[in-house]
Amino acid sequence: MSLDQFTNLMGLMLLINCIFFVLGLLKITLFHRATLSSLGVMFGDQADRINASIPQVLFFYWILIIVFNLTPYLALRLMG
């Protein structure tokens, strides 16, 4: 695999992870009621606790995207 192909792969991974992150943000902002009702069906009385932890999970996910996708992608772009 050449450097250009690997850079394109890292860019694609970054794009996919950013799309998942935006979907997670939409889930807690625009689709809050639907998310809460589906969590209530799946987890019962623990739905409020799980719903409260979703922003923290998304924050950690954002940090992981920066560390494992954005930083290597930018480094590869600088090398290429």
C-alpha atoms as a PDB file:
ATOM      1  CA  MET A   1       0.000   0.000   0.000  1.00  0.00           C
ATOM      2  CA  SER A   2       1.439   3.337  -0.994  1.00  0.00           C
ATOM      3  CA  LEU A   3       1.519   6.450   1.155  1.00  0.00           C
ATOM      4  CA  ASP A   4      -1.210   8.094  -0.932  1.00  0.00           C
ATOM      5  CA  GLN A   5      -3.507   5.086  -0.578  1.00  0.00           C
ATOM      6  CA  PHE A   6      -2.938   4.969   3.177  1.00  0.00           C
ATOM      7  CA  THR A   7      -3.595   8.708   3.462  1.00  0.00           C
ATOM      8  CA  ASN A   8      -6.859   8.266   1.554  1.00  0.00           C
ATOM      9  CA  LEU A   9      -7.821   5.365   3.827  1.00  0.00           C
ATOM     10  CA  MET A  10      -7.171   7.454   6.937  1.00  0.00           C
ATOM     11  CA  GLY A  11      -9.222  10.300   5.453  1.00  0.00           C
ATOM     12  CA  LEU A  12     -12.085   7.926   4.754  1.00  0.00           C
ATOM     13  CA  MET A  13     -11.915   6.561   8.305  1.00  0.00           C
ATOM     14  CA  LEU A  14     -11.958  10.130   9.633  1.00  0.00           C
ATOM     15  CA  LEU A  15     -15.014  10.958   7.535  1.00  0.00           C
ATOM     16  CA  ILE A  16     -16.907   7.843   8.661  1.00  0.00           C
ATOM     17  CA  ASN A  17     -16.140   8.467  12.340  1.00  0.00           C
ATOM     18  CA  CYS A  18     -17.180  12.121  12.052  1.00  0.00           C
ATOM     19  CA  ILE A  19     -20.488  11.021  10.494  1.00  0.00           C
ATOM     20  CA  PHE A  20     -21.073   8.626  13.406  1.00  0.00           C
ATOM     21  CA  PHE A  21     -20.245  11.445  15.836  1.00  0.00           C
ATOM     22  CA  VAL A  22     -22.731  13.805  14.168  1.00  0.00           C
ATOM     23  CA  LEU A  23     -25.392  11.075  14.277  1.00  0.00           C
ATOM     24  CA  GLY A  24     -24.713  10.712  17.989  1.00  0.00           C
ATOM     25  CA  LEU A  25     -25.100  14.451  18.476  1.00  0.00           C
ATOM     26  CA  LEU A  26     -28.372  14.420  16.544  1.00  0.00           C
ATOM     27  CA  LYS A  27     -29.560  11.554  18.709  1.00  0.00           C
ATOM     28  CA  ILE A  28     -29.197  13.596  21.899  1.00  0.00           C
ATOM     29  CA  THR A  29     -30.432  16.906  20.470  1.00  0.00           C
ATOM     30  CA  LEU A  30     -33.076  16.538  17.761  1.00  0.00           C
ATOM     31  CA  PHE A  31     -34.200  12.984  18.496  1.00  0.00           C
ATOM     32  CA  HIS A  32     -34.049  13.220  22.294  1.00  0.00           C
ATOM     33  CA  ARG A  33     -37.599  11.983  22.903  1.00  0.00           C
ATOM     34  CA  ALA A  34     -37.271   9.033  20.535  1.00  0.00           C
ATOM     35  CA  THR A  35     -33.939   8.113  22.107  1.00  0.00           C
ATOM     36  CA  LEU A  36     -35.359   8.300  25.607  1.00  0.00           C
ATOM     37  CA  SER A  37     -38.369   6.179  24.689  1.00  0.00           C
ATOM     38  CA  SER A  38     -36.243   3.526  22.976  1.00  0.00           C
ATOM     39  CA  LEU A  39     -33.898   3.448  25.967  1.00  0.00           C
ATOM     40  CA  GLY A  40     -36.951   3.053  28.206  1.00  0.00           C
ATOM     41  CA  VAL A  41     -38.080   0.041  26.205  1.00  0.00           C
ATOM     42  CA  MET A  42     -34.632  -1.555  26.213  1.00  0.00           C
ATOM     43  CA  PHE A  43     -33.389  -0.758  29.711  1.00  0.00           C
ATOM     44  CA  GLY A  44     -36.479   0.068  31.770  1.00  0.00           C
ATOM     45  CA  ASP A  45     -35.827   2.086  34.898  1.00  0.00           C
ATOM     46  CA  GLN A  46     -32.128   2.633  34.086  1.00  0.00           C
ATOM     47  CA  ALA A  47     -32.935   4.622  30.934  1.00  0.00           C
ATOM     48  CA  ASP A  48     -32.447   8.009  32.622  1.00  0.00           C
ATOM     49  CA  ARG A  49     -29.003   7.049  33.890  1.00  0.00           C
ATOM     50  CA  ILE A  50     -27.937   5.753  30.488  1.00  0.00           C
ATOM     51  CA  ASN A  51     -29.342   8.822  28.749  1.00  0.00           C
ATOM     52  CA  ALA A  52     -27.374  11.061  31.103  1.00  0.00           C
ATOM     53  CA  SER A  53     -24.117   9.281  30.217  1.00  0.00           C
ATOM     54  CA  ILE A  54     -24.487   9.676  26.419  1.00  0.00           C
ATOM     55  CA  PRO A  55     -22.838  13.164  26.260  1.00  0.00           C
ATOM     56  CA  GLN A  56     -19.840  11.859  28.207  1.00  0.00           C
ATOM     57  CA  VAL A  57     -19.497   8.917  25.818  1.00  0.00           C
ATOM     58  CA  LEU A  58     -19.679  11.271  22.830  1.00  0.00           C
ATOM     59  CA  PHE A  59     -16.995  13.490  24.376  1.00  0.00           C
ATOM     60  CA  PHE A  60     -14.655  10.511  24.791  1.00  0.00           C
ATOM     61  CA  TYR A  61     -15.464   9.416  21.239  1.00  0.00           C
ATOM     62  CA  TRP A  62     -14.526  12.883  19.962  1.00  0.00           C
ATOM     63  CA  ILE A  63     -11.174  12.670  21.763  1.00  0.00           C
ATOM     64  CA  LEU A  64     -10.547   9.240  20.228  1.00  0.00           C
ATOM     65  CA  ILE A  65     -11.380  10.586  16.761  1.00  0.00           C
ATOM     66  CA  ILE A  66      -8.852  13.380  17.213  1.00  0.00           C
ATOM     67  CA  VAL A  67      -6.113  11.101  18.560  1.00  0.00           C
ATOM     68  CA  PHE A  68      -6.516   8.086  16.288  1.00  0.00           C
ATOM     69  CA  ASN A  69      -7.936   9.579  13.074  1.00  0.00           C
ATOM     70  CA  LEU A  70      -7.308  13.307  12.722  1.00  0.00           C
ATOM     71  CA  THR A  71      -3.733  13.466  14.013  1.00  0.00           C
ATOM     72  CA  PRO A  72      -2.395  10.585  11.855  1.00  0.00           C
ATOM     73  CA  TYR A  73      -4.285  11.916   8.840  1.00  0.00           C
ATOM     74  CA  LEU A  74      -2.728  15.365   9.225  1.00  0.00           C
ATOM     75  CA  ALA A  75       0.722  13.838   9.746  1.00  0.00           C
ATOM     76  CA  LEU A  76       0.335  11.758   6.596  1.00  0.00           C
ATOM     77  CA  ARG A  77      -0.840  14.781   4.642  1.00  0.00           C
ATOM     78  CA  LEU A  78       2.259  16.686   5.776  1.00  0.00           C
ATOM     79  CA  MET A  79       4.517  13.776   4.744  1.00  0.00           C
ATOM     80  CA  GLY A  80       2.890  13.386   1.347  1.00  0.00           C
END
